[in-house]
N, C-alpha and C. Protein backbone atom coordinates (compact mmCIF):
# COMPACT_ATOMS: atom_id res chain seq x y z
N UNK A 1 118.95 76.77 68.51
CA UNK A 1 118.60 77.19 69.87
C UNK A 1 117.08 77.20 70.02
N UNK A 2 116.57 76.45 70.97
CA UNK A 2 115.13 76.33 71.15
C UNK A 2 114.60 77.46 72.02
N UNK A 3 113.36 77.90 71.71
CA UNK A 3 112.70 78.92 72.53
C UNK A 3 111.77 78.31 73.57
N UNK A 4 111.77 76.99 73.67
CA UNK A 4 110.90 76.32 74.64
C UNK A 4 111.31 76.70 76.06
N UNK A 5 110.36 76.72 76.98
CA UNK A 5 110.70 77.04 78.38
C UNK A 5 111.62 75.99 78.98
N UNK A 6 112.38 76.41 79.99
CA UNK A 6 113.34 75.54 80.66
C UNK A 6 112.94 75.34 82.11
N UNK A 7 113.00 74.10 82.57
CA UNK A 7 112.79 73.76 83.98
C UNK A 7 114.10 73.24 84.55
N UNK A 8 114.55 73.84 85.64
CA UNK A 8 115.81 73.45 86.27
C UNK A 8 115.49 72.66 87.54
N UNK A 9 116.10 71.49 87.66
CA UNK A 9 115.92 70.63 88.83
C UNK A 9 117.24 70.44 89.56
N UNK A 10 117.22 70.59 90.87
CA UNK A 10 118.30 70.09 91.71
C UNK A 10 118.15 68.56 91.78
N UNK A 11 119.21 67.88 92.17
CA UNK A 11 119.17 66.41 92.26
C UNK A 11 118.94 65.91 93.68
N UNK A 12 119.91 66.14 94.55
CA UNK A 12 119.92 65.51 95.87
C UNK A 12 118.89 66.14 96.81
N UNK A 13 117.97 65.32 97.30
CA UNK A 13 116.93 65.81 98.18
C UNK A 13 115.75 66.39 97.45
N UNK A 14 115.91 66.66 96.16
CA UNK A 14 114.82 67.18 95.34
C UNK A 14 114.24 66.05 94.49
N UNK A 15 115.08 65.49 93.63
CA UNK A 15 114.65 64.32 92.85
C UNK A 15 114.82 63.04 93.66
N UNK A 16 115.91 62.97 94.41
CA UNK A 16 116.21 61.74 95.17
C UNK A 16 115.84 61.88 96.63
N UNK A 17 115.63 60.76 97.27
CA UNK A 17 115.26 60.74 98.69
C UNK A 17 116.46 61.04 99.58
N UNK A 18 117.64 60.73 99.12
CA UNK A 18 118.84 60.90 99.93
C UNK A 18 119.93 61.60 99.12
N UNK A 19 121.02 61.93 99.79
CA UNK A 19 122.14 62.58 99.14
C UNK A 19 122.95 61.55 98.35
N UNK A 20 123.08 61.76 97.05
CA UNK A 20 123.75 60.77 96.21
C UNK A 20 125.25 60.71 96.49
N UNK A 21 125.85 61.83 96.90
CA UNK A 21 127.28 61.82 97.20
C UNK A 21 127.58 60.84 98.34
N UNK A 22 126.84 60.97 99.44
CA UNK A 22 127.07 60.06 100.57
C UNK A 22 126.78 58.62 100.17
N UNK A 23 125.74 58.42 99.37
CA UNK A 23 125.40 57.05 98.95
C UNK A 23 126.50 56.44 98.09
N UNK A 24 127.07 57.24 97.18
CA UNK A 24 128.12 56.73 96.32
C UNK A 24 129.38 56.42 97.12
N UNK A 25 129.71 57.28 98.08
CA UNK A 25 130.89 57.05 98.91
C UNK A 25 130.70 55.78 99.74
N UNK A 26 129.52 55.60 100.32
CA UNK A 26 129.27 54.41 101.14
C UNK A 26 129.35 53.13 100.32
N UNK A 27 129.10 53.24 99.02
CA UNK A 27 129.12 52.04 98.17
C UNK A 27 130.53 51.50 97.96
N UNK A 28 131.53 52.32 98.21
CA UNK A 28 132.92 51.86 98.06
C UNK A 28 133.33 51.01 99.25
N UNK A 29 134.17 50.06 99.01
CA UNK A 29 134.55 49.13 100.08
C UNK A 29 135.53 49.77 101.07
N UNK A 30 136.70 50.18 100.59
CA UNK A 30 137.77 50.70 101.45
C UNK A 30 138.39 51.94 100.82
N UNK A 31 139.02 52.79 101.62
CA UNK A 31 139.72 53.94 101.05
C UNK A 31 140.77 53.51 100.04
N UNK A 32 140.81 54.23 98.94
CA UNK A 32 141.79 53.95 97.91
C UNK A 32 143.11 54.67 98.21
N UNK A 33 143.01 55.81 98.86
CA UNK A 33 144.16 56.69 99.07
C UNK A 33 144.17 57.13 100.53
N UNK A 34 144.57 56.26 101.46
CA UNK A 34 144.50 56.57 102.89
C UNK A 34 145.23 57.85 103.29
N UNK A 35 146.27 58.23 102.56
CA UNK A 35 147.01 59.45 102.91
C UNK A 35 146.13 60.69 102.83
N UNK A 36 145.04 60.61 102.08
CA UNK A 36 144.13 61.75 101.96
C UNK A 36 143.42 62.06 103.27
N UNK A 37 143.47 61.13 104.21
CA UNK A 37 142.90 61.40 105.53
C UNK A 37 143.51 62.64 106.17
N UNK A 38 144.76 62.92 105.85
CA UNK A 38 145.44 64.06 106.44
C UNK A 38 144.79 65.39 106.04
N UNK A 39 144.12 65.42 104.90
CA UNK A 39 143.51 66.66 104.43
C UNK A 39 142.12 66.89 105.01
N UNK A 40 141.51 65.85 105.57
CA UNK A 40 140.13 65.97 106.00
C UNK A 40 139.90 66.92 107.17
N UNK A 41 140.66 66.83 108.27
CA UNK A 41 140.35 67.71 109.40
C UNK A 41 140.37 69.20 109.05
N UNK A 42 141.39 69.63 108.33
CA UNK A 42 141.47 71.03 107.94
C UNK A 42 140.34 71.43 107.02
N UNK A 43 139.98 70.54 106.08
CA UNK A 43 138.90 70.85 105.15
C UNK A 43 137.58 70.99 105.89
N UNK A 44 137.34 70.11 106.86
CA UNK A 44 136.09 70.17 107.62
C UNK A 44 136.02 71.45 108.44
N UNK A 45 137.13 71.84 109.06
CA UNK A 45 137.14 73.08 109.83
C UNK A 45 136.86 74.29 108.94
N UNK A 46 137.44 74.32 107.75
CA UNK A 46 137.22 75.44 106.86
C UNK A 46 135.78 75.51 106.38
N UNK A 47 135.12 74.37 106.30
CA UNK A 47 133.77 74.31 105.74
C UNK A 47 132.69 74.72 106.73
N UNK A 48 133.00 74.83 108.00
CA UNK A 48 132.00 75.19 109.00
C UNK A 48 131.46 76.59 108.73
N UNK A 49 130.19 76.65 108.39
CA UNK A 49 129.56 77.93 108.12
C UNK A 49 130.03 78.59 106.84
N UNK A 50 130.75 77.87 106.00
CA UNK A 50 131.29 78.46 104.78
C UNK A 50 130.91 77.58 103.59
N UNK A 51 129.89 78.00 102.85
CA UNK A 51 129.40 77.20 101.73
C UNK A 51 130.50 76.97 100.70
N UNK A 52 131.27 78.02 100.41
CA UNK A 52 132.30 77.90 99.38
C UNK A 52 133.36 76.86 99.74
N UNK A 53 133.62 76.67 101.04
CA UNK A 53 134.67 75.75 101.46
C UNK A 53 134.21 74.30 101.50
N UNK A 54 132.93 74.07 101.35
CA UNK A 54 132.45 72.68 101.43
C UNK A 54 133.00 71.81 100.31
N UNK A 55 133.34 72.45 99.19
CA UNK A 55 133.93 71.69 98.10
C UNK A 55 135.23 71.03 98.51
N UNK A 56 135.99 71.67 99.42
CA UNK A 56 137.25 71.09 99.87
C UNK A 56 137.01 69.79 100.62
N UNK A 57 135.93 69.71 101.38
CA UNK A 57 135.61 68.47 102.09
C UNK A 57 135.26 67.38 101.08
N UNK A 58 134.43 67.72 100.11
CA UNK A 58 134.06 66.73 99.10
C UNK A 58 135.28 66.24 98.33
N UNK A 59 136.17 67.17 97.98
CA UNK A 59 137.39 66.77 97.28
C UNK A 59 138.21 65.81 98.13
N UNK A 60 138.36 66.14 99.42
CA UNK A 60 139.17 65.30 100.31
C UNK A 60 138.56 63.92 100.46
N UNK A 61 137.24 63.85 100.58
CA UNK A 61 136.57 62.56 100.72
C UNK A 61 136.70 61.75 99.43
N UNK A 62 136.48 62.39 98.29
CA UNK A 62 136.61 61.68 97.02
C UNK A 62 138.04 61.19 96.81
N UNK A 63 139.02 62.01 97.20
CA UNK A 63 140.42 61.60 97.07
C UNK A 63 140.70 60.40 97.98
N UNK A 64 140.17 60.46 99.20
CA UNK A 64 140.37 59.37 100.16
C UNK A 64 139.83 58.05 99.63
N UNK A 65 138.63 58.10 99.08
CA UNK A 65 137.95 56.86 98.69
C UNK A 65 138.29 56.43 97.26
N UNK A 66 138.48 57.40 96.37
CA UNK A 66 138.61 57.04 94.95
C UNK A 66 139.84 57.62 94.26
N UNK A 67 140.69 58.34 94.98
CA UNK A 67 141.86 58.93 94.35
C UNK A 67 142.73 57.90 93.65
N UNK A 68 143.08 58.15 92.40
CA UNK A 68 143.93 57.26 91.63
C UNK A 68 143.22 56.13 90.93
N UNK A 69 141.93 55.98 91.13
CA UNK A 69 141.21 54.89 90.44
C UNK A 69 141.12 55.19 88.94
N UNK A 70 141.20 54.17 88.11
CA UNK A 70 141.04 54.37 86.67
C UNK A 70 139.64 54.88 86.34
N UNK A 71 139.57 55.74 85.36
CA UNK A 71 138.28 56.32 84.97
C UNK A 71 137.28 55.24 84.56
N UNK A 72 137.75 54.25 83.80
CA UNK A 72 136.85 53.20 83.35
C UNK A 72 136.22 52.46 84.53
N UNK A 73 137.03 52.20 85.56
CA UNK A 73 136.52 51.52 86.75
C UNK A 73 135.48 52.37 87.46
N UNK A 74 135.75 53.66 87.61
CA UNK A 74 134.80 54.55 88.28
C UNK A 74 133.51 54.69 87.47
N UNK A 75 133.62 54.71 86.17
CA UNK A 75 132.42 54.81 85.35
C UNK A 75 131.57 53.54 85.43
N UNK A 76 132.22 52.39 85.58
CA UNK A 76 131.48 51.14 85.81
C UNK A 76 130.72 51.22 87.14
N UNK A 77 131.40 51.71 88.18
CA UNK A 77 130.77 51.86 89.48
C UNK A 77 129.60 52.83 89.40
N UNK A 78 129.77 53.93 88.66
CA UNK A 78 128.72 54.93 88.54
C UNK A 78 127.51 54.37 87.79
N UNK A 79 127.75 53.52 86.80
CA UNK A 79 126.63 52.93 86.05
C UNK A 79 125.79 52.02 86.96
N UNK A 80 126.46 51.22 87.78
CA UNK A 80 125.72 50.36 88.71
C UNK A 80 124.98 51.20 89.74
N UNK A 81 125.65 52.24 90.24
CA UNK A 81 125.04 53.12 91.23
C UNK A 81 123.81 53.81 90.65
N UNK A 82 123.91 54.26 89.41
CA UNK A 82 122.78 54.93 88.77
C UNK A 82 121.58 54.00 88.67
N UNK A 83 121.81 52.77 88.27
CA UNK A 83 120.69 51.82 88.16
C UNK A 83 120.02 51.61 89.51
N UNK A 84 120.82 51.48 90.57
CA UNK A 84 120.26 51.30 91.91
C UNK A 84 119.50 52.54 92.37
N UNK A 85 120.05 53.71 92.10
CA UNK A 85 119.40 54.95 92.52
C UNK A 85 118.07 55.12 91.81
N UNK A 86 118.04 54.89 90.52
CA UNK A 86 116.79 55.05 89.77
C UNK A 86 115.73 54.06 90.22
N UNK A 87 116.17 52.90 90.66
CA UNK A 87 115.23 51.87 91.09
C UNK A 87 114.66 52.14 92.47
N UNK A 88 115.45 52.77 93.35
CA UNK A 88 115.06 52.86 94.76
C UNK A 88 114.87 54.26 95.30
N UNK A 89 115.56 55.26 94.75
CA UNK A 89 115.69 56.52 95.47
C UNK A 89 115.02 57.72 94.81
N UNK A 90 114.43 57.58 93.63
CA UNK A 90 113.76 58.70 92.99
C UNK A 90 112.38 58.90 93.61
N UNK A 91 112.09 60.12 94.02
CA UNK A 91 110.79 60.42 94.63
C UNK A 91 109.68 60.31 93.57
N UNK A 92 108.55 59.72 93.94
CA UNK A 92 107.44 59.61 92.97
C UNK A 92 107.00 60.96 92.42
N UNK A 93 106.93 61.97 93.29
CA UNK A 93 106.52 63.29 92.83
C UNK A 93 107.49 63.89 91.85
N UNK A 94 108.78 63.62 92.04
CA UNK A 94 109.79 64.12 91.11
C UNK A 94 109.63 63.46 89.74
N UNK A 95 109.42 62.16 89.74
CA UNK A 95 109.23 61.44 88.48
C UNK A 95 108.03 61.99 87.72
N UNK A 96 106.94 62.29 88.45
CA UNK A 96 105.75 62.83 87.79
C UNK A 96 106.02 64.23 87.23
N UNK A 97 106.70 65.07 88.02
CA UNK A 97 106.98 66.43 87.55
C UNK A 97 107.86 66.42 86.31
N UNK A 98 108.88 65.56 86.31
CA UNK A 98 109.76 65.46 85.15
C UNK A 98 108.97 65.01 83.93
N UNK A 99 108.11 63.99 84.12
CA UNK A 99 107.30 63.48 83.00
C UNK A 99 106.33 64.54 82.50
N UNK A 100 105.73 65.30 83.40
CA UNK A 100 104.78 66.34 82.99
C UNK A 100 105.48 67.44 82.19
N UNK A 101 106.66 67.85 82.64
CA UNK A 101 107.40 68.88 81.89
C UNK A 101 107.82 68.36 80.53
N UNK A 102 108.27 67.12 80.49
CA UNK A 102 108.68 66.56 79.20
C UNK A 102 107.50 66.50 78.23
N UNK A 103 106.33 66.08 78.74
CA UNK A 103 105.14 65.99 77.90
C UNK A 103 104.69 67.36 77.39
N UNK A 104 104.97 68.41 78.18
CA UNK A 104 104.59 69.76 77.79
C UNK A 104 105.61 70.42 76.86
N UNK A 105 106.69 69.71 76.56
CA UNK A 105 107.71 70.26 75.68
C UNK A 105 108.72 71.15 76.36
N UNK A 106 108.76 71.09 77.69
CA UNK A 106 109.72 71.89 78.46
C UNK A 106 111.11 71.27 78.36
N UNK A 107 112.11 72.10 78.21
CA UNK A 107 113.49 71.61 78.22
C UNK A 107 113.90 71.37 79.68
N UNK A 108 114.59 70.28 79.91
CA UNK A 108 114.94 69.88 81.26
C UNK A 108 116.44 70.04 81.50
N UNK A 109 116.78 70.77 82.56
CA UNK A 109 118.17 71.02 82.93
C UNK A 109 118.38 70.56 84.36
N UNK A 110 119.33 69.65 84.56
CA UNK A 110 119.69 69.18 85.89
C UNK A 110 120.89 69.96 86.39
N UNK A 111 120.79 70.56 87.57
CA UNK A 111 121.89 71.35 88.14
C UNK A 111 122.16 70.84 89.54
N UNK A 112 123.35 70.28 89.75
CA UNK A 112 123.64 69.60 91.00
C UNK A 112 125.08 69.81 91.45
N UNK A 113 125.27 69.81 92.75
CA UNK A 113 126.63 69.87 93.30
C UNK A 113 127.30 68.50 93.30
N UNK A 114 126.56 67.45 93.04
CA UNK A 114 127.16 66.12 92.98
C UNK A 114 128.08 66.01 91.76
N UNK A 115 129.09 65.16 91.83
CA UNK A 115 130.02 65.04 90.71
C UNK A 115 129.38 64.53 89.43
N UNK A 116 129.94 64.97 88.31
CA UNK A 116 129.44 64.58 87.00
C UNK A 116 129.56 63.09 86.75
N UNK A 117 130.45 62.42 87.48
CA UNK A 117 130.67 60.98 87.30
C UNK A 117 129.36 60.21 87.33
N UNK A 118 128.49 60.52 88.28
CA UNK A 118 127.19 59.85 88.32
C UNK A 118 126.03 60.79 87.99
N UNK A 119 126.21 62.10 88.10
CA UNK A 119 125.13 63.03 87.74
C UNK A 119 124.81 62.94 86.25
N UNK A 120 125.82 62.80 85.41
CA UNK A 120 125.57 62.73 83.97
C UNK A 120 124.73 61.51 83.59
N UNK A 121 125.08 60.29 84.03
CA UNK A 121 124.23 59.16 83.66
C UNK A 121 122.84 59.22 84.30
N UNK A 122 122.73 59.78 85.50
CA UNK A 122 121.42 59.93 86.11
C UNK A 122 120.57 60.88 85.28
N UNK A 123 121.15 62.01 84.90
CA UNK A 123 120.41 62.97 84.09
C UNK A 123 119.98 62.38 82.76
N UNK A 124 120.88 61.64 82.11
CA UNK A 124 120.54 61.03 80.83
C UNK A 124 119.41 60.02 80.99
N UNK A 125 119.48 59.22 82.04
CA UNK A 125 118.44 58.20 82.26
C UNK A 125 117.08 58.82 82.55
N UNK A 126 117.07 59.99 83.19
CA UNK A 126 115.81 60.66 83.52
C UNK A 126 115.31 61.55 82.40
N UNK A 127 116.05 61.67 81.32
CA UNK A 127 115.60 62.43 80.16
C UNK A 127 115.94 63.89 80.17
N UNK A 128 116.96 64.30 80.93
CA UNK A 128 117.37 65.70 80.94
C UNK A 128 118.19 66.02 79.69
N UNK A 129 117.94 67.21 79.16
CA UNK A 129 118.68 67.66 77.99
C UNK A 129 120.14 67.93 78.31
N UNK A 130 120.39 68.47 79.49
CA UNK A 130 121.75 68.83 79.88
C UNK A 130 121.90 68.68 81.38
N UNK A 131 123.15 68.48 81.80
CA UNK A 131 123.47 68.34 83.22
C UNK A 131 124.60 69.30 83.56
N UNK A 132 124.40 70.10 84.60
CA UNK A 132 125.45 70.94 85.17
C UNK A 132 125.81 70.32 86.51
N UNK A 133 127.06 69.91 86.67
CA UNK A 133 127.48 69.20 87.87
C UNK A 133 128.91 69.58 88.21
N UNK A 134 129.33 69.22 89.42
CA UNK A 134 130.72 69.40 89.82
C UNK A 134 131.59 68.44 89.01
N UNK A 135 132.58 68.97 88.32
CA UNK A 135 133.38 68.14 87.42
C UNK A 135 134.59 67.55 88.14
N UNK A 136 134.85 66.28 87.88
CA UNK A 136 136.05 65.65 88.40
C UNK A 136 137.23 65.89 87.46
N UNK A 137 138.42 65.98 88.03
CA UNK A 137 139.64 66.14 87.25
C UNK A 137 140.30 64.77 87.07
N UNK A 138 140.90 64.57 85.90
CA UNK A 138 141.52 63.29 85.55
C UNK A 138 142.97 63.51 85.17
N UNK A 139 143.80 62.54 85.46
CA UNK A 139 145.21 62.60 85.08
C UNK A 139 145.36 62.26 83.60
N UNK A 140 146.54 62.49 83.07
CA UNK A 140 146.78 62.23 81.65
C UNK A 140 146.66 60.76 81.31
N UNK A 141 146.84 59.87 82.31
CA UNK A 141 146.69 58.44 82.04
C UNK A 141 145.32 57.91 82.45
N UNK A 142 144.33 58.81 82.62
CA UNK A 142 142.96 58.40 82.82
C UNK A 142 142.60 57.94 84.21
N UNK A 143 143.20 58.54 85.23
CA UNK A 143 142.85 58.21 86.61
C UNK A 143 142.30 59.46 87.31
N UNK A 144 141.46 59.21 88.34
CA UNK A 144 140.90 60.33 89.08
C UNK A 144 142.02 61.04 89.82
N UNK A 145 142.12 62.35 89.60
CA UNK A 145 143.23 63.13 90.15
C UNK A 145 143.03 63.52 91.61
N UNK A 146 141.91 63.15 92.20
CA UNK A 146 141.68 63.46 93.60
C UNK A 146 141.24 64.89 93.85
N UNK A 147 140.76 65.57 92.80
CA UNK A 147 140.32 66.96 92.95
C UNK A 147 139.25 67.25 91.91
N UNK A 148 138.67 68.45 92.04
CA UNK A 148 137.65 68.88 91.10
C UNK A 148 138.26 69.73 89.99
N UNK A 149 137.63 69.71 88.84
CA UNK A 149 138.01 70.55 87.72
C UNK A 149 137.01 71.71 87.65
N UNK A 150 137.20 72.70 88.52
CA UNK A 150 136.25 73.80 88.61
C UNK A 150 135.58 73.82 89.97
N UNK A 151 134.58 74.68 90.14
CA UNK A 151 133.97 74.86 91.46
C UNK A 151 133.02 73.73 91.84
N UNK A 152 132.80 73.60 93.14
CA UNK A 152 131.72 72.78 93.67
C UNK A 152 130.43 73.53 93.37
N UNK A 153 129.51 72.94 92.58
CA UNK A 153 128.34 73.68 92.12
C UNK A 153 127.27 73.77 93.21
N UNK A 154 127.52 74.66 94.13
CA UNK A 154 126.62 74.89 95.25
C UNK A 154 126.43 76.38 95.42
N UNK A 155 125.24 76.80 95.84
CA UNK A 155 125.00 78.21 96.11
C UNK A 155 125.15 79.06 94.87
N UNK A 156 125.90 80.16 95.00
CA UNK A 156 126.08 81.09 93.90
C UNK A 156 126.76 80.44 92.70
N UNK A 157 127.64 79.46 92.96
CA UNK A 157 128.33 78.79 91.84
C UNK A 157 127.32 78.06 90.96
N UNK A 158 126.31 77.44 91.56
CA UNK A 158 125.28 76.77 90.76
C UNK A 158 124.46 77.78 89.99
N UNK A 159 124.09 78.89 90.64
CA UNK A 159 123.31 79.92 89.96
C UNK A 159 124.08 80.48 88.76
N UNK A 160 125.40 80.71 88.93
CA UNK A 160 126.20 81.22 87.82
C UNK A 160 126.23 80.22 86.66
N UNK A 161 126.35 78.94 86.99
CA UNK A 161 126.39 77.92 85.94
C UNK A 161 125.07 77.86 85.19
N UNK A 162 123.97 77.98 85.91
CA UNK A 162 122.65 77.97 85.25
C UNK A 162 122.50 79.20 84.36
N UNK A 163 122.90 80.38 84.86
CA UNK A 163 122.81 81.59 84.03
C UNK A 163 123.66 81.46 82.77
N UNK A 164 124.86 80.91 82.92
CA UNK A 164 125.74 80.76 81.75
C UNK A 164 125.12 79.81 80.73
N UNK A 165 124.51 78.72 81.21
CA UNK A 165 123.86 77.77 80.29
C UNK A 165 122.69 78.44 79.60
N UNK A 166 121.89 79.18 80.34
CA UNK A 166 120.74 79.87 79.75
C UNK A 166 121.19 80.89 78.71
N UNK A 167 122.30 81.58 78.97
CA UNK A 167 122.83 82.53 78.00
C UNK A 167 123.26 81.83 76.72
N UNK A 168 123.91 80.69 76.88
CA UNK A 168 124.47 79.98 75.72
C UNK A 168 123.43 79.16 74.97
N UNK A 169 122.48 78.58 75.69
CA UNK A 169 121.57 77.60 75.09
C UNK A 169 120.12 78.06 74.99
N UNK A 170 119.78 79.15 75.66
CA UNK A 170 118.38 79.59 75.67
C UNK A 170 118.26 81.09 75.38
N UNK A 171 119.26 81.64 74.70
CA UNK A 171 119.19 83.02 74.28
C UNK A 171 119.13 84.03 75.40
N UNK A 172 119.64 83.66 76.58
CA UNK A 172 119.64 84.59 77.69
C UNK A 172 118.34 84.67 78.45
N UNK A 173 117.39 83.78 78.12
CA UNK A 173 116.11 83.75 78.84
C UNK A 173 116.34 83.31 80.29
N UNK A 174 115.36 83.54 81.12
CA UNK A 174 115.40 83.02 82.49
C UNK A 174 114.67 81.70 82.53
N UNK A 175 115.03 80.80 83.45
CA UNK A 175 114.28 79.54 83.56
C UNK A 175 112.81 79.81 83.87
N UNK A 176 111.95 79.02 83.27
CA UNK A 176 110.53 79.15 83.56
C UNK A 176 110.20 78.55 84.93
N UNK A 177 110.88 77.46 85.26
CA UNK A 177 110.62 76.75 86.51
C UNK A 177 111.95 76.35 87.16
N UNK A 178 111.95 76.26 88.47
CA UNK A 178 113.13 75.75 89.19
C UNK A 178 112.64 75.04 90.44
N UNK A 179 113.32 73.93 90.76
CA UNK A 179 112.94 73.09 91.90
C UNK A 179 114.16 72.76 92.74
N UNK A 180 114.07 72.95 94.03
CA UNK A 180 115.13 72.51 94.94
C UNK A 180 114.57 72.31 96.33
N UNK A 181 115.32 71.55 97.12
CA UNK A 181 114.93 71.31 98.52
C UNK A 181 115.75 72.13 99.50
N UNK A 182 116.88 72.71 99.03
CA UNK A 182 117.85 73.24 99.99
C UNK A 182 118.02 74.75 99.88
N UNK A 183 118.20 75.38 101.05
CA UNK A 183 118.37 76.83 101.07
C UNK A 183 119.66 77.29 100.40
N UNK A 184 120.64 76.41 100.29
CA UNK A 184 121.86 76.80 99.58
C UNK A 184 121.56 77.10 98.11
N UNK A 185 120.47 76.54 97.59
CA UNK A 185 120.13 76.74 96.19
C UNK A 185 119.19 77.92 95.96
N UNK A 186 118.96 78.73 96.98
CA UNK A 186 118.06 79.86 96.81
C UNK A 186 118.49 80.78 95.66
N UNK A 187 119.80 81.07 95.47
CA UNK A 187 120.17 81.91 94.32
C UNK A 187 119.73 81.32 92.98
N UNK A 188 119.83 80.00 92.84
CA UNK A 188 119.37 79.36 91.61
C UNK A 188 117.85 79.41 91.52
N UNK A 189 117.18 79.16 92.63
CA UNK A 189 115.71 79.13 92.65
C UNK A 189 115.14 80.48 92.22
N UNK A 190 115.76 81.55 92.68
CA UNK A 190 115.24 82.89 92.40
C UNK A 190 115.48 83.34 90.96
N UNK A 191 116.23 82.56 90.18
CA UNK A 191 116.38 82.88 88.77
C UNK A 191 115.10 82.62 88.00
N UNK A 192 114.26 81.72 88.50
CA UNK A 192 113.12 81.22 87.74
C UNK A 192 111.88 82.09 87.90
N UNK A 193 111.06 82.09 86.85
CA UNK A 193 109.77 82.78 86.92
C UNK A 193 108.83 82.08 87.90
N UNK A 194 108.95 80.76 87.97
CA UNK A 194 108.09 79.98 88.86
C UNK A 194 108.95 79.05 89.72
N UNK A 195 109.52 79.57 90.81
CA UNK A 195 110.33 78.72 91.69
C UNK A 195 109.44 77.88 92.59
N UNK A 196 109.93 76.69 92.94
CA UNK A 196 109.18 75.79 93.81
C UNK A 196 110.15 75.17 94.81
N UNK A 197 109.77 75.19 96.09
CA UNK A 197 110.55 74.54 97.14
C UNK A 197 109.99 73.13 97.35
N UNK A 198 110.86 72.14 97.21
CA UNK A 198 110.45 70.74 97.28
C UNK A 198 110.93 70.13 98.59
N UNK A 199 109.98 69.65 99.42
CA UNK A 199 110.38 69.05 100.70
C UNK A 199 111.49 69.87 101.35
N UNK A 200 111.26 71.16 101.58
CA UNK A 200 112.36 72.08 101.90
C UNK A 200 112.97 71.90 103.27
N UNK A 201 114.25 72.28 103.37
CA UNK A 201 114.89 72.42 104.67
C UNK A 201 114.14 73.50 105.45
N UNK A 202 114.26 73.50 106.79
CA UNK A 202 113.57 74.54 107.56
C UNK A 202 113.90 75.96 107.11
N UNK A 203 115.18 76.20 106.79
CA UNK A 203 115.57 77.54 106.36
C UNK A 203 114.93 77.90 105.02
N UNK A 204 114.89 76.95 104.09
CA UNK A 204 114.25 77.22 102.81
C UNK A 204 112.75 77.40 102.99
N UNK A 205 112.14 76.62 103.88
CA UNK A 205 110.71 76.77 104.14
C UNK A 205 110.39 78.17 104.64
N UNK A 206 111.25 78.70 105.51
CA UNK A 206 111.05 80.07 106.01
C UNK A 206 111.18 81.08 104.87
N UNK A 207 112.19 80.90 104.04
CA UNK A 207 112.37 81.81 102.91
C UNK A 207 111.19 81.71 101.94
N UNK A 208 110.70 80.50 101.71
CA UNK A 208 109.57 80.31 100.80
C UNK A 208 108.33 81.03 101.32
N UNK A 209 108.09 80.90 102.63
CA UNK A 209 106.94 81.59 103.21
C UNK A 209 107.08 83.10 103.09
N UNK A 210 108.29 83.60 103.31
CA UNK A 210 108.52 85.05 103.27
C UNK A 210 108.40 85.59 101.86
N UNK A 211 108.82 84.80 100.87
CA UNK A 211 108.84 85.28 99.49
C UNK A 211 107.63 84.81 98.68
N UNK A 212 106.74 84.03 99.27
CA UNK A 212 105.58 83.54 98.54
C UNK A 212 105.90 82.46 97.53
N UNK A 213 106.95 81.68 97.80
CA UNK A 213 107.33 80.58 96.91
C UNK A 213 106.52 79.34 97.28
N UNK A 214 105.87 78.70 96.31
CA UNK A 214 105.09 77.49 96.62
C UNK A 214 105.97 76.38 97.16
N UNK A 215 105.39 75.58 98.06
CA UNK A 215 106.06 74.42 98.64
C UNK A 215 105.29 73.17 98.23
N UNK A 216 106.00 72.15 97.75
CA UNK A 216 105.38 70.88 97.40
C UNK A 216 106.07 69.75 98.14
N UNK A 217 105.36 68.64 98.29
CA UNK A 217 105.89 67.45 98.95
C UNK A 217 105.94 66.32 97.92
N UNK A 218 107.15 65.92 97.59
CA UNK A 218 107.34 64.87 96.59
C UNK A 218 107.72 63.53 97.21
N UNK A 219 108.10 63.55 98.48
CA UNK A 219 108.56 62.31 99.08
C UNK A 219 107.44 61.33 99.32
């Protein structure tokens, strides 16, 4: 167990210019499981103003587009997507911050609500020690089950995952640094000794001003 400081980075909108979930979904040609359309309206209604329910929308969309696809096929798609994302969508400021932390010996932890299918290879390519992401569930014959294996890592769920990782891998220390663009990640941001709001949403910008959290522009 290392005593080196830990820097936690959000992915979408913080490291990347756009939301990787929407980009990955758009990359698919046609719905794989059209019957999943029936679940979308109810999921969207439940998610209005409810952070916890947003995972149901993501599950329904993933089921619609990729439900039943073989894992090997999806991992091939994720590898191509990762290469494109790293080439086009990583913010220059994010790349510099990651490189600076790595050079200083800081441990790098990626914490994202995006699925592990592409978050894991993105994190590995960027040099992160570990990735905390929304996990996909797989059937016994190796196909996407159309649902998540655990919570959508957003809001308090992401903060809990980061705390659990810090307890297990960093002796219960708090993160030295944390970076995010979105107000939903405020619980995770406030875990860190040095939180930073990156290209923040208006709500996060207001919170940053009220709490004295530095704001940076990486885009």
